[in-house]
C-alpha atoms as a PDB file:
ATOM      1  CA  MET A   1     130.306  96.928  99.631  1.00  0.00           C
ATOM      2  CA  LEU A   2     130.506  98.790 103.019  1.00  0.00           C
ATOM      3  CA  SER A   3     131.996 102.342 103.127  1.00  0.00           C
ATOM      4  CA  VAL A   4     133.987 103.129 106.048  1.00  0.00           C
ATOM      5  CA  VAL A   5     133.422 106.419 107.629  1.00  0.00           C
ATOM      6  CA  LYS A   6     136.258 108.169 109.079  1.00  0.00           C
ATOM      7  CA  ALA A   7     135.708 110.183 112.201  1.00  0.00           C
ATOM      8  CA  GLU A   8     136.971 113.573 112.140  1.00  0.00           C
ATOM      9  CA  ALA A   9     139.405 114.440 114.534  1.00  0.00           C
ATOM     10  CA  PRO A  10     138.150 117.090 117.000  1.00  0.00           C
ATOM     11  CA  GLN A  11     139.282 120.570 116.301  1.00  0.00           C
ATOM     12  CA  ALA A  12     142.176 121.933 118.208  1.00  0.00           C
ATOM     13  CA  ALA A  13     141.558 124.855 120.659  1.00  0.00           C
ATOM     14  CA  THR A  14     142.565 127.970 119.038  1.00  0.00           C
ATOM     15  CA  PHE A  15     143.698 131.420 120.109  1.00  0.00           C
ATOM     16  CA  ALA A  16     140.757 132.978 118.377  1.00  0.00           C
ATOM     17  CA  ASP A  17     138.420 130.608 120.244  1.00  0.00           C
ATOM     18  CA  PHE A  18     139.900 131.914 123.541  1.00  0.00           C
ATOM     19  CA  TRP A  19     140.098 135.484 122.546  1.00  0.00           C
ATOM     20  CA  LEU A  20     136.436 135.444 121.522  1.00  0.00           C
ATOM     21  CA  MET A  21     135.395 134.067 124.799  1.00  0.00           C
ATOM     22  CA  TYR A  22     137.625 136.085 127.057  1.00  0.00           C
ATOM     23  CA  PRO A  23     135.805 139.046 128.637  1.00  0.00           C
ATOM     24  CA  LYS A  24     138.507 141.378 128.955  1.00  0.00           C
ATOM     25  CA  ARG A  25     140.500 142.347 125.906  1.00  0.00           C
ATOM     26  CA  ALA A  26     144.041 143.707 126.892  1.00  0.00           C
ATOM     27  CA  ALA A  27     147.409 142.994 125.440  1.00  0.00           C
ATOM     28  CA  VAL A  28     146.453 140.752 122.825  1.00  0.00           C
ATOM     29  CA  ARG A  29     150.191 139.899 121.830  1.00  0.00           C
ATOM     30  CA  ASP A  30     151.018 138.970 125.220  1.00  0.00           C
ATOM     31  CA  ALA A  31     148.056 136.809 125.503  1.00  0.00           C
ATOM     32  CA  GLU A  32     148.831 134.884 122.244  1.00  0.00           C
ATOM     33  CA  LYS A  33     152.400 134.386 123.355  1.00  0.00           C
ATOM     34  CA  ALA A  34     151.034 132.875 126.654  1.00  0.00           C
ATOM     35  CA  TRP A  35     148.483 130.702 124.754  1.00  0.00           C
ATOM     36  CA  ASN A  36     151.164 129.414 122.382  1.00  0.00           C
ATOM     37  CA  LYS A  37     153.163 128.020 125.480  1.00  0.00           C
ATOM     38  CA  LEU A  38     150.462 125.882 126.419  1.00  0.00           C
ATOM     39  CA  THR A  39     149.969 122.245 125.650  1.00  0.00           C
ATOM     40  CA  PRO A  40     147.305 121.060 123.534  1.00  0.00           C
ATOM     41  CA  GLU A  41     145.596 119.523 126.688  1.00  0.00           C
ATOM     42  CA  ASP A  42     146.065 122.787 128.421  1.00  0.00           C
ATOM     43  CA  LYS A  43     144.335 124.742 125.858  1.00  0.00           C
ATOM     44  CA  VAL A  44     141.234 122.627 125.956  1.00  0.00           C
ATOM     45  CA  ALA A  45     141.320 122.731 129.799  1.00  0.00           C
ATOM     46  CA  ALA A  46     141.639 126.449 129.740  1.00  0.00           C
ATOM     47  CA  LEU A  47     138.771 126.875 127.178  1.00  0.00           C
ATOM     48  CA  THR A  48     136.629 124.710 129.264  1.00  0.00           C
ATOM     49  CA  ALA A  49     137.307 126.349 132.674  1.00  0.00           C
ATOM     50  CA  LEU A  50     136.786 129.726 130.802  1.00  0.00           C
ATOM     51  CA  LEU A  51     133.146 129.121 130.347  1.00  0.00           C
ATOM     52  CA  ASP A  52     132.645 129.063 134.094  1.00  0.00           C
ATOM     53  CA  TRP A  53     135.247 131.887 134.943  1.00  0.00           C
ATOM     54  CA  ARG A  54     133.395 134.161 132.317  1.00  0.00           C
ATOM     55  CA  ARG A  55     130.025 133.520 133.775  1.00  0.00           C
ATOM     56  CA  TYR A  56     131.671 134.283 137.407  1.00  0.00           C
ATOM     57  CA  TRP A  57     133.254 137.463 136.185  1.00  0.00           C
ATOM     58  CA  LEU A  58     130.389 138.885 134.215  1.00  0.00           C
ATOM     59  CA  ALA A  59     127.909 137.969 137.125  1.00  0.00           C
ATOM     60  CA  ARG A  60     130.280 140.199 139.510  1.00  0.00           C
ATOM     61  CA  ASP A  61     129.930 143.038 137.028  1.00  0.00           C
ATOM     62  CA  GLU A  62     133.417 144.185 138.176  1.00  0.00           C
ATOM     63  CA  MET A  63     135.647 143.673 135.296  1.00  0.00           C
ATOM     64  CA  GLN A  64     138.285 146.006 136.740  1.00  0.00           C
ATOM     65  CA  PHE A  65     139.041 142.636 138.933  1.00  0.00           C
ATOM     66  CA  THR A  66     139.207 140.493 135.926  1.00  0.00           C
ATOM     67  CA  PRO A  67     142.812 139.296 135.240  1.00  0.00           C
ATOM     68  CA  HIS A  68     144.357 140.302 131.827  1.00  0.00           C
ATOM     69  CA  PRO A  69     144.246 137.342 129.502  1.00  0.00           C
ATOM     70  CA  ALA A  70     147.913 136.784 129.538  1.00  0.00           C
ATOM     71  CA  THR A  71     148.065 136.934 133.343  1.00  0.00           C
ATOM     72  CA  TRP A  72     145.267 134.160 133.539  1.00  0.00           C
ATOM     73  CA  LEU A  73     146.912 131.933 130.963  1.00  0.00           C
ATOM     74  CA  ASN A  74     150.739 132.339 132.436  1.00  0.00           C
ATOM     75  CA  GLY A  75     149.361 131.817 135.848  1.00  0.00           C
ATOM     76  CA  ALA A  76     147.235 128.660 134.811  1.00  0.00           C
ATOM     77  CA  ARG A  77     144.467 130.218 136.598  1.00  0.00           C
ATOM     78  CA  TRP A  78     142.020 127.943 134.831  1.00  0.00           C
ATOM     79  CA  LEU A  79     143.008 125.286 137.747  1.00  0.00           C
ATOM     80  CA  ASP A  80     141.986 127.562 140.528  1.00  0.00           C
ATOM     81  CA  ASP A  81     138.698 127.045 142.330  1.00  0.00           C
ATOM     82  CA  LEU A  82     135.732 129.058 141.458  1.00  0.00           C
ATOM     83  CA  PRO A  83     133.987 130.562 144.660  1.00  0.00           C
ATOM     84  CA  ALA A  84     131.619 128.096 146.043  1.00  0.00           C
ATOM     85  CA  GLU A  85     128.418 129.923 144.767  1.00  0.00           C
ATOM     86  CA  TYR A  86     129.704 129.738 141.316  1.00  0.00           C
ATOM     87  CA  GLN A  87     130.721 126.259 140.858  1.00  0.00           C
ATOM     88  CA  ARG A  88     128.607 123.794 138.807  1.00  0.00           C
ATOM     89  CA  LYS A  89     126.355 121.669 140.729  1.00  0.00           C
END
């Protein structure tokens, strides 16, 4: 008898994942409200883009110019183009 192996559904992107990765910790409640407004697809897209944006912000070492997390989420800033020198090749 063959056993059927069910593929597990990928875990949903969570606010805890986002908060852990975002390099500037400010206004957590506002950030969580903004996160909860996103579609599941946008949550995944935001987390994926955040990897590159985080690298960019940390490389610049100018955290005062990093947007607050709620601002970044509300503005769909993960869709912005990274500066050419920081784009993945």
